[in-house]
PDB file of N, CA and C in Angstrom:
ATOM      1  N   MET A   1      33.972  15.974  18.396  1.00  0.00           N
ATOM      2  CA  MET A   1      34.603  15.677  17.128  1.00  0.00           C
ATOM      3  C   MET A   1      35.202  14.279  17.203  1.00  0.00           C
ATOM      4  N   ILE A   2      35.171  13.567  16.058  1.00  0.00           N
ATOM      5  CA  ILE A   2      35.809  12.267  15.953  1.00  0.00           C
ATOM      6  C   ILE A   2      36.666  12.222  14.691  1.00  0.00           C
ATOM      7  N   THR A   3      37.635  11.326  14.696  1.00  0.00           N
ATOM      8  CA  THR A   3      38.422  11.028  13.501  1.00  0.00           C
ATOM      9  C   THR A   3      38.188   9.564  13.184  1.00  0.00           C
ATOM     10  N   VAL A   4      37.951   9.280  11.917  1.00  0.00           N
ATOM     11  CA  VAL A   4      37.751   7.906  11.481  1.00  0.00           C
ATOM     12  C   VAL A   4      38.931   7.518  10.605  1.00  0.00           C
ATOM     13  N   GLY A   5      39.538   6.380  10.921  1.00  0.00           N
ATOM     14  CA  GLY A   5      40.597   5.812  10.096  1.00  0.00           C
ATOM     15  C   GLY A   5      40.009   4.668   9.290  1.00  0.00           C
ATOM     16  N   MET A   6      40.045   4.788   7.986  1.00  0.00           N
ATOM     17  CA  MET A   6      39.497   3.755   7.092  1.00  0.00           C
ATOM     18  C   MET A   6      40.670   3.120   6.352  1.00  0.00           C
ATOM     19  N   ASN A   7      40.930   1.856   6.653  1.00  0.00           N
ATOM     20  CA  ASN A   7      42.093   1.148   6.121  1.00  0.00           C
ATOM     21  C   ASN A   7      41.703   0.255   4.950  1.00  0.00           C
ATOM     22  N   TYR A   8      42.474   0.357   3.879  1.00  0.00           N
ATOM     23  CA  TYR A   8      42.204  -0.410   2.666  1.00  0.00           C
ATOM     24  C   TYR A   8      43.494  -1.052   2.164  1.00  0.00           C
ATOM     25  N   HIS A   9      43.364  -2.268   1.670  1.00  0.00           N
ATOM     26  CA  HIS A   9      44.486  -2.912   0.984  1.00  0.00           C
ATOM     27  C   HIS A   9      43.972  -3.302  -0.394  1.00  0.00           C
ATOM     28  N   VAL A  10      44.669  -2.839  -1.431  1.00  0.00           N
ATOM     29  CA  VAL A  10      44.206  -3.072  -2.800  1.00  0.00           C
ATOM     30  C   VAL A  10      45.026  -4.178  -3.455  1.00  0.00           C
ATOM     31  N   ILE A  11      44.468  -4.733  -4.498  1.00  0.00           N
ATOM     32  CA  ILE A  11      45.169  -5.740  -5.286  1.00  0.00           C
ATOM     33  C   ILE A  11      46.352  -5.065  -5.969  1.00  0.00           C
ATOM     34  N   GLU A  12      47.492  -5.707  -5.915  1.00  0.00           N
ATOM     35  CA  GLU A  12      48.701  -5.164  -6.553  1.00  0.00           C
ATOM     36  C   GLU A  12      48.402  -4.796  -8.004  1.00  0.00           C
ATOM     37  N   GLY A  13      48.807  -3.599  -8.382  1.00  0.00           N
ATOM     38  CA  GLY A  13      48.567  -3.104  -9.736  1.00  0.00           C
ATOM     39  C   GLY A  13      47.301  -2.272  -9.859  1.00  0.00           C
ATOM     40  N   LYS A  14      46.477  -2.238  -8.822  1.00  0.00           N
ATOM     41  CA  LYS A  14      45.222  -1.479  -8.855  1.00  0.00           C
ATOM     42  C   LYS A  14      45.314  -0.161  -8.075  1.00  0.00           C
ATOM     43  N   GLN A  15      46.533   0.208  -7.679  1.00  0.00           N
ATOM     44  CA  GLN A  15      46.715   1.421  -6.882  1.00  0.00           C
ATOM     45  C   GLN A  15      46.188   2.666  -7.584  1.00  0.00           C
ATOM     46  N   ASP A  16      46.482   2.824  -8.867  1.00  0.00           N
ATOM     47  CA  ASP A  16      46.023   4.017  -9.592  1.00  0.00           C
ATOM     48  C   ASP A  16      44.496   4.072  -9.630  1.00  0.00           C
ATOM     49  N   ALA A  17      43.864   2.927  -9.858  1.00  0.00           N
ATOM     50  CA  ALA A  17      42.397   2.881  -9.895  1.00  0.00           C
ATOM     51  C   ALA A  17      41.819   3.265  -8.534  1.00  0.00           C
ATOM     52  N   PHE A  18      42.414   2.771  -7.456  1.00  0.00           N
ATOM     53  CA  PHE A  18      41.942   3.105  -6.110  1.00  0.00           C
ATOM     54  C   PHE A  18      42.071   4.603  -5.855  1.00  0.00           C
ATOM     55  N   GLU A  19      43.212   5.164  -6.212  1.00  0.00           N
ATOM     56  CA  GLU A  19      43.442   6.591  -5.986  1.00  0.00           C
ATOM     57  C   GLU A  19      42.469   7.443  -6.792  1.00  0.00           C
ATOM     58  N   GLU A  20      42.154   7.026  -8.014  1.00  0.00           N
ATOM     59  CA  GLU A  20      41.178   7.753  -8.833  1.00  0.00           C
ATOM     60  C   GLU A  20      39.787   7.668  -8.227  1.00  0.00           C
ATOM     61  N   LYS A  21      39.415   6.499  -7.722  1.00  0.00           N
ATOM     62  CA  LYS A  21      38.095   6.324  -7.112  1.00  0.00           C
ATOM     63  C   LYS A  21      37.959   7.149  -5.839  1.00  0.00           C
ATOM     64  N   PHE A  22      39.074   7.366  -5.142  1.00  0.00           N
ATOM     65  CA  PHE A  22      39.020   8.177  -3.926  1.00  0.00           C
ATOM     66  C   PHE A  22      38.500   9.572  -4.227  1.00  0.00           C
ATOM     67  N   ALA A  23      38.791  10.093  -5.397  1.00  0.00           N
ATOM     68  CA  ALA A  23      38.301  11.430  -5.769  1.00  0.00           C
ATOM     69  C   ALA A  23      36.773  11.477  -5.712  1.00  0.00           C
ATOM     70  N   SER A  24      36.096  10.407  -6.132  1.00  0.00           N
ATOM     71  CA  SER A  24      34.631  10.346  -6.062  1.00  0.00           C
ATOM     72  C   SER A  24      34.156  10.293  -4.618  1.00  0.00           C
ATOM     73  N   VAL A  25      34.856   9.512  -3.820  1.00  0.00           N
ATOM     74  CA  VAL A  25      34.509   9.407  -2.404  1.00  0.00           C
ATOM     75  C   VAL A  25      34.694  10.763  -1.736  1.00  0.00           C
ATOM     76  N   LEU A  26      35.791  11.448  -2.033  1.00  0.00           N
ATOM     77  CA  LEU A  26      36.061  12.758  -1.438  1.00  0.00           C
ATOM     78  C   LEU A  26      34.961  13.754  -1.793  1.00  0.00           C
ATOM     79  N   GLN A  27      34.497  13.719  -3.017  1.00  0.00           N
ATOM     80  CA  GLN A  27      33.435  14.629  -3.433  1.00  0.00           C
ATOM     81  C   GLN A  27      32.159  14.366  -2.627  1.00  0.00           C
ATOM     82  N   ALA A  28      31.825  13.093  -2.423  1.00  0.00           N
ATOM     83  CA  ALA A  28      30.647  12.753  -1.623  1.00  0.00           C
ATOM     84  C   ALA A  28      30.840  13.174  -0.167  1.00  0.00           C
ATOM     85  N   LEU A  29      32.049  12.985   0.348  1.00  0.00           N
ATOM     86  CA  LEU A  29      32.333  13.368   1.726  1.00  0.00           C
ATOM     87  C   LEU A  29      32.171  14.868   1.942  1.00  0.00           C
ATOM     88  N   GLN A  30      32.608  15.651   0.983  1.00  0.00           N
ATOM     89  CA  GLN A  30      32.573  17.102   1.130  1.00  0.00           C
ATOM     90  C   GLN A  30      31.161  17.646   1.269  1.00  0.00           C
ATOM     91  N   SER A  31      30.173  16.912   0.755  1.00  0.00           N
ATOM     92  CA  SER A  31      28.791  17.372   0.871  1.00  0.00           C
ATOM     93  C   SER A  31      28.045  16.706   2.022  1.00  0.00           C
ATOM     94  N   ALA A  32      28.719  15.836   2.775  1.00  0.00           N
ATOM     95  CA  ALA A  32      28.080  15.131   3.884  1.00  0.00           C
ATOM     96  C   ALA A  32      27.976  16.025   5.109  1.00  0.00           C
ATOM     97  N   GLU A  33      26.810  16.044   5.713  1.00  0.00           N
ATOM     98  CA  GLU A  33      26.617  16.852   6.919  1.00  0.00           C
ATOM     99  C   GLU A  33      27.469  16.301   8.053  1.00  0.00           C
ATOM    100  N   GLY A  34      28.189  17.194   8.723  1.00  0.00           N
ATOM    101  CA  GLY A  34      29.030  16.804   9.844  1.00  0.00           C
ATOM    102  C   GLY A  34      30.462  16.481   9.465  1.00  0.00           C
ATOM    103  N   HIS A  35      30.752  16.382   8.167  1.00  0.00           N
ATOM    104  CA  HIS A  35      32.113  16.082   7.708  1.00  0.00           C
ATOM    105  C   HIS A  35      32.942  17.360   7.683  1.00  0.00           C
ATOM    106  N   THR A  36      34.179  17.265   8.170  1.00  0.00           N
ATOM    107  CA  THR A  36      35.070  18.427   8.187  1.00  0.00           C
ATOM    108  C   THR A  36      36.137  18.324   7.114  1.00  0.00           C
ATOM    109  N   THR A  37      36.934  17.247   7.150  1.00  0.00           N
ATOM    110  CA  THR A  37      38.028  17.087   6.202  1.00  0.00           C
ATOM    111  C   THR A  37      38.406  15.611   6.092  1.00  0.00           C
ATOM    112  N   SER A  38      38.989  15.248   4.954  1.00  0.00           N
ATOM    113  CA  SER A  38      39.488  13.883   4.748  1.00  0.00           C
ATOM    114  C   SER A  38      40.777  13.938   3.950  1.00  0.00           C
ATOM    115  N   SER A  39      41.634  12.934   4.210  1.00  0.00           N
ATOM    116  CA  SER A  39      42.901  12.819   3.485  1.00  0.00           C
ATOM    117  C   SER A  39      43.170  11.354   3.170  1.00  0.00           C
ATOM    118  N   LEU A  40      43.821  11.126   2.045  1.00  0.00           N
ATOM    119  CA  LEU A  40      44.243   9.783   1.651  1.00  0.00           C
ATOM    120  C   LEU A  40      45.731   9.644   1.922  1.00  0.00           C
ATOM    121  N   TRP A  41      46.100   8.555   2.607  1.00  0.00           N
ATOM    122  CA  TRP A  41      47.492   8.280   2.974  1.00  0.00           C
ATOM    123  C   TRP A  41      47.901   6.953   2.362  1.00  0.00           C
ATOM    124  N   LYS A  42      49.162   6.879   1.924  1.00  0.00           N
ATOM    125  CA  LYS A  42      49.701   5.655   1.323  1.00  0.00           C
ATOM    126  C   LYS A  42      50.876   5.173   2.165  1.00  0.00           C
ATOM    127  N   ASP A  43      50.896   3.890   2.464  1.00  0.00           N
ATOM    128  CA  ASP A  43      51.956   3.286   3.273  1.00  0.00           C
ATOM    129  C   ASP A  43      53.247   3.239   2.454  1.00  0.00           C
ATOM    130  N   VAL A  44      54.323   3.832   2.963  1.00  0.00           N
ATOM    131  CA  VAL A  44      55.587   3.864   2.230  1.00  0.00           C
ATOM    132  C   VAL A  44      56.253   2.489   2.173  1.00  0.00           C
ATOM    133  N   SER A  45      55.878   1.573   3.064  1.00  0.00           N
ATOM    134  CA  SER A  45      56.487   0.239   3.050  1.00  0.00           C
ATOM    135  C   SER A  45      55.618  -0.794   2.337  1.00  0.00           C
ATOM    136  N   ASP A  46      54.379  -0.421   1.962  1.00  0.00           N
ATOM    137  CA  ASP A  46      53.475  -1.320   1.238  1.00  0.00           C
ATOM    138  C   ASP A  46      52.619  -0.455   0.327  1.00  0.00           C
ATOM    139  N   SER A  47      52.984  -0.341  -0.926  1.00  0.00           N
ATOM    140  CA  SER A  47      52.324   0.592  -1.844  1.00  0.00           C
ATOM    141  C   SER A  47      50.882   0.220  -2.170  1.00  0.00           C
ATOM    142  N   ALA A  48      50.408  -0.924  -1.682  1.00  0.00           N
ATOM    143  CA  ALA A  48      49.023  -1.321  -1.901  1.00  0.00           C
ATOM    144  C   ALA A  48      48.167  -1.095  -0.648  1.00  0.00           C
ATOM    145  N   SER A  49      48.758  -0.477   0.372  1.00  0.00           N
ATOM    146  CA  SER A  49      48.055  -0.235   1.631  1.00  0.00           C
ATOM    147  C   SER A  49      47.764   1.253   1.785  1.00  0.00           C
ATOM    148  N   TYR A  50      46.501   1.565   2.073  1.00  0.00           N
ATOM    149  CA  TYR A  50      46.061   2.955   2.178  1.00  0.00           C
ATOM    150  C   TYR A  50      45.259   3.171   3.450  1.00  0.00           C
ATOM    151  N   MET A  51      45.207   4.430   3.868  1.00  0.00           N
ATOM    152  CA  MET A  51      44.338   4.838   4.952  1.00  0.00           C
ATOM    153  C   MET A  51      43.719   6.178   4.597  1.00  0.00           C
ATOM    154  N   ILE A  52      42.444   6.267   4.836  1.00  0.00           N
ATOM    155  CA  ILE A  52      41.746   7.546   4.700  1.00  0.00           C
ATOM    156  C   ILE A  52      41.433   8.006   6.117  1.00  0.00           C
ATOM    157  N   THR A  53      41.866   9.200   6.458  1.00  0.00           N
ATOM    158  CA  THR A  53      41.461   9.792   7.720  1.00  0.00           C
ATOM    159  C   THR A  53      40.384  10.816   7.424  1.00  0.00           C
ATOM    160  N   SER A  54      39.368  10.796   8.261  1.00  0.00           N
ATOM    161  CA  SER A  54      38.207  11.630   8.023  1.00  0.00           C
ATOM    162  C   SER A  54      37.748  12.213   9.358  1.00  0.00           C
ATOM    163  N   GLU A  55      37.549  13.522   9.401  1.00  0.00           N
ATOM    164  CA  GLU A  55      37.108  14.178  10.630  1.00  0.00           C
ATOM    165  C   GLU A  55      35.626  14.529  10.519  1.00  0.00           C
ATOM    166  N   TRP A  56      34.919  14.258  11.618  1.00  0.00           N
ATOM    167  CA  TRP A  56      33.468  14.440  11.673  1.00  0.00           C
ATOM    168  C   TRP A  56      33.085  15.184  12.942  1.00  0.00           C
ATOM    169  N   SER A  57      31.954  15.840  12.899  1.00  0.00           N
ATOM    170  CA  SER A  57      31.454  16.549  14.076  1.00  0.00           C
ATOM    171  C   SER A  57      31.126  15.573  15.197  1.00  0.00           C
ATOM    172  N   ASP A  58      30.604  14.399  14.833  1.00  0.00           N
ATOM    173  CA  ASP A  58      30.260  13.386  15.827  1.00  0.00           C
ATOM    174  C   ASP A  58      30.096  12.029  15.137  1.00  0.00           C
ATOM    175  N   GLU A  59      30.041  10.989  15.939  1.00  0.00           N
ATOM    176  CA  GLU A  59      29.970   9.622  15.412  1.00  0.00           C
ATOM    177  C   GLU A  59      28.684   9.384  14.614  1.00  0.00           C
ATOM    178  N   GLN A  60      27.579   9.950  15.068  1.00  0.00           N
ATOM    179  CA  GLN A  60      26.316   9.737  14.366  1.00  0.00           C
ATOM    180  C   GLN A  60      26.356  10.296  12.943  1.00  0.00           C
ATOM    181  N   ALA A  61      27.008  11.436  12.751  1.00  0.00           N
ATOM    182  CA  ALA A  61      27.123  12.012  11.400  1.00  0.00           C
ATOM    183  C   ALA A  61      27.868  11.052  10.479  1.00  0.00           C
ATOM    184  N   PHE A  62      28.952  10.436  10.980  1.00  0.00           N
ATOM    185  CA  PHE A  62      29.694   9.455  10.184  1.00  0.00           C
ATOM    186  C   PHE A  62      28.826   8.238   9.885  1.00  0.00           C
ATOM    187  N   LEU A  63      28.144   7.712  10.893  1.00  0.00           N
ATOM    188  CA  LEU A  63      27.298   6.535  10.694  1.00  0.00           C
ATOM    189  C   LEU A  63      26.168   6.824   9.713  1.00  0.00           C
ATOM    190  N   ASP A  64      25.581   8.007   9.805  1.00  0.00           N
ATOM    191  CA  ASP A  64      24.534   8.391   8.851  1.00  0.00           C
ATOM    192  C   ASP A  64      25.088   8.391   7.434  1.00  0.00           C
ATOM    193  N   PHE A  65      26.307   8.898   7.266  1.00  0.00           N
ATOM    194  CA  PHE A  65      26.909   8.945   5.929  1.00  0.00           C
ATOM    195  C   PHE A  65      27.166   7.544   5.378  1.00  0.00           C
ATOM    196  N   ILE A  66      27.765   6.649   6.171  1.00  0.00           N
ATOM    197  CA  ILE A  66      28.100   5.331   5.620  1.00  0.00           C
ATOM    198  C   ILE A  66      26.870   4.465   5.365  1.00  0.00           C
ATOM    199  N   HIS A  67      25.717   4.890   5.877  1.00  0.00           N
ATOM    200  CA  HIS A  67      24.468   4.179   5.582  1.00  0.00           C
ATOM    201  C   HIS A  67      23.644   4.899   4.518  1.00  0.00           C
ATOM    202  N   SER A  68      24.205   5.958   3.948  1.00  0.00           N
ATOM    203  CA  SER A  68      23.467   6.771   2.973  1.00  0.00           C
ATOM    204  C   SER A  68      23.594   6.236   1.554  1.00  0.00           C
ATOM    205  N   ASP A  69      22.661   6.649   0.717  1.00  0.00           N
ATOM    206  CA  ASP A  69      22.714   6.307  -0.705  1.00  0.00           C
ATOM    207  C   ASP A  69      23.947   6.924  -1.360  1.00  0.00           C
ATOM    208  N   ALA A  70      24.332   8.133  -0.922  1.00  0.00           N
ATOM    209  CA  ALA A  70      25.507   8.801  -1.501  1.00  0.00           C
ATOM    210  C   ALA A  70      26.762   7.967  -1.276  1.00  0.00           C
ATOM    211  N   PHE A  71      26.917   7.400  -0.077  1.00  0.00           N
ATOM    212  CA  PHE A  71      28.075   6.568   0.227  1.00  0.00           C
ATOM    213  C   PHE A  71      28.079   5.311  -0.639  1.00  0.00           C
ATOM    214  N   HIS A  72      26.942   4.648  -0.729  1.00  0.00           N
ATOM    215  CA  HIS A  72      26.871   3.411  -1.508  1.00  0.00           C
ATOM    216  C   HIS A  72      27.084   3.671  -2.999  1.00  0.00           C
ATOM    217  N   ALA A  73      26.671   4.836  -3.465  1.00  0.00           N
ATOM    218  CA  ALA A  73      26.856   5.172  -4.879  1.00  0.00           C
ATOM    219  C   ALA A  73      28.324   5.294  -5.255  1.00  0.00           C
ATOM    220  N   VAL A  74      29.165   5.748  -4.311  1.00  0.00           N
ATOM    221  CA  VAL A  74      30.581   5.944  -4.636  1.00  0.00           C
ATOM    222  C   VAL A  74      31.472   4.804  -4.165  1.00  0.00           C
ATOM    223  N   THR A  75      30.911   3.818  -3.463  1.00  0.00           N
ATOM    224  CA  THR A  75      31.739   2.704  -2.987  1.00  0.00           C
ATOM    225  C   THR A  75      31.463   1.408  -3.723  1.00  0.00           C
ATOM    226  N   ASP A  76      30.644   1.443  -4.734  1.00  0.00           N
ATOM    227  CA  ASP A  76      30.407   0.244  -5.546  1.00  0.00           C
ATOM    228  C   ASP A  76      31.665  -0.197  -6.280  1.00  0.00           C
ATOM    229  N   TRP A  77      32.678   0.659  -6.349  1.00  0.00           N
ATOM    230  CA  TRP A  77      33.920   0.326  -7.039  1.00  0.00           C
ATOM    231  C   TRP A  77      34.621  -0.862  -6.396  1.00  0.00           C
ATOM    232  N   GLY A  78      34.331  -1.171  -5.147  1.00  0.00           N
ATOM    233  CA  GLY A  78      34.917  -2.349  -4.513  1.00  0.00           C
ATOM    234  C   GLY A  78      34.521  -3.619  -5.245  1.00  0.00           C
ATOM    235  N   LYS A  79      33.365  -3.573  -5.904  1.00  0.00           N
ATOM    236  CA  LYS A  79      32.888  -4.713  -6.680  1.00  0.00           C
ATOM    237  C   LYS A  79      33.728  -4.929  -7.934  1.00  0.00           C
ATOM    238  N   GLU A  80      34.527  -3.933  -8.288  1.00  0.00           N
ATOM    239  CA  GLU A  80      35.373  -4.032  -9.475  1.00  0.00           C
ATOM    240  C   GLU A  80      36.665  -4.778  -9.190  1.00  0.00           C
ATOM    241  N   GLU A  81      36.703  -5.453  -8.054  1.00  0.00           N
ATOM    242  CA  GLU A  81      37.878  -6.234  -7.656  1.00  0.00           C
ATOM    243  C   GLU A  81      39.135  -5.372  -7.533  1.00  0.00           C
ATOM    244  N   ILE A  82      38.982  -4.278  -6.857  1.00  0.00           N
ATOM    245  CA  ILE A  82      40.116  -3.398  -6.568  1.00  0.00           C
ATOM    246  C   ILE A  82      40.725  -3.741  -5.219  1.00  0.00           C
ATOM    247  N   LEU A  83      39.875  -4.091  -4.253  1.00  0.00           N
ATOM    248  CA  LEU A  83      40.343  -4.361  -2.896  1.00  0.00           C
ATOM    249  C   LEU A  83      40.742  -5.827  -2.733  1.00  0.00           C
ATOM    250  N   SER A  84      41.831  -6.056  -2.005  1.00  0.00           N
ATOM    251  CA  SER A  84      42.287  -7.423  -1.762  1.00  0.00           C
ATOM    252  C   SER A  84      41.706  -7.983  -0.463  1.00  0.00           C
ATOM    253  N   ASP A  85      41.090  -7.128   0.328  1.00  0.00           N
ATOM    254  CA  ASP A  85      40.548  -7.524   1.623  1.00  0.00           C
ATOM    255  C   ASP A  85      39.421  -6.562   1.982  1.00  0.00           C
ATOM    256  N   ARG A  86      38.634  -6.921   2.985  1.00  0.00           N
ATOM    257  CA  ARG A  86      37.568  -6.029   3.447  1.00  0.00           C
ATOM    258  C   ARG A  86      38.166  -4.773   4.066  1.00  0.00           C
ATOM    259  N   PRO A  87      37.542  -3.617   3.838  1.00  0.00           N
ATOM    260  CA  PRO A  87      37.995  -2.390   4.493  1.00  0.00           C
ATOM    261  C   PRO A  87      37.809  -2.510   6.008  1.00  0.00           C
ATOM    262  N   ARG A  88      38.663  -1.842   6.753  1.00  0.00           N
ATOM    263  CA  ARG A  88      38.551  -1.812   8.211  1.00  0.00           C
ATOM    264  C   ARG A  88      38.486  -0.352   8.656  1.00  0.00           C
ATOM    265  N   HIS A  89      37.504  -0.056   9.485  1.00  0.00           N
ATOM    266  CA  HIS A  89      37.314   1.308   9.971  1.00  0.00           C
ATOM    267  C   HIS A  89      37.482   1.338  11.473  1.00  0.00           C
ATOM    268  N   LYS A  90      38.094   2.412  11.974  1.00  0.00           N
ATOM    269  CA  LYS A  90      38.248   2.606  13.418  1.00  0.00           C
ATOM    270  C   LYS A  90      37.897   4.049  13.739  1.00  0.00           C
ATOM    271  N   ILE A  91      37.112   4.222  14.783  1.00  0.00           N
ATOM    272  CA  ILE A  91      36.693   5.556  15.201  1.00  0.00           C
ATOM    273  C   ILE A  91      37.524   5.981  16.403  1.00  0.00           C
ATOM    274  N   TYR A  92      38.137   7.156  16.289  1.00  0.00           N
ATOM    275  CA  TYR A  92      38.939   7.739  17.355  1.00  0.00           C
ATOM    276  C   TYR A  92      38.182   8.939  17.901  1.00  0.00           C
ATOM    277  N   LYS A  93      37.799   8.863  19.161  1.00  0.00           N
ATOM    278  CA  LYS A  93      37.040   9.960  19.771  1.00  0.00           C
ATOM    279  C   LYS A  93      38.000  10.936  20.431  1.00  0.00           C
ATOM    280  N   HIS A  94      37.706  12.215  20.311  1.00  0.00           N
ATOM    281  CA  HIS A  94      38.556  13.264  20.887  1.00  0.00           C
ATOM    282  C   HIS A  94      38.117  13.576  22.285  1.00  0.00           C
TER     283      HIS A  94
END
């Protein structure tokens, strides 16, 4: 099992839009093979900073998902100028 931390910083004022878009990402995640659970976290000291933690059966299942059409279909929202910086992902192996 692995946990993936996906860090995002959004443009100030776009927090609600980011949180709404996460619902689409969560729906895609729930149908991904190897995915167990995901949660969205908000930084209490920076309201534009978020982290999604996602648990997977193994690293390959996560990599397959982020290269899938389903992932790209729900992450095009970054093109809407919601993010202030590139997302950063870190894989934590158990």
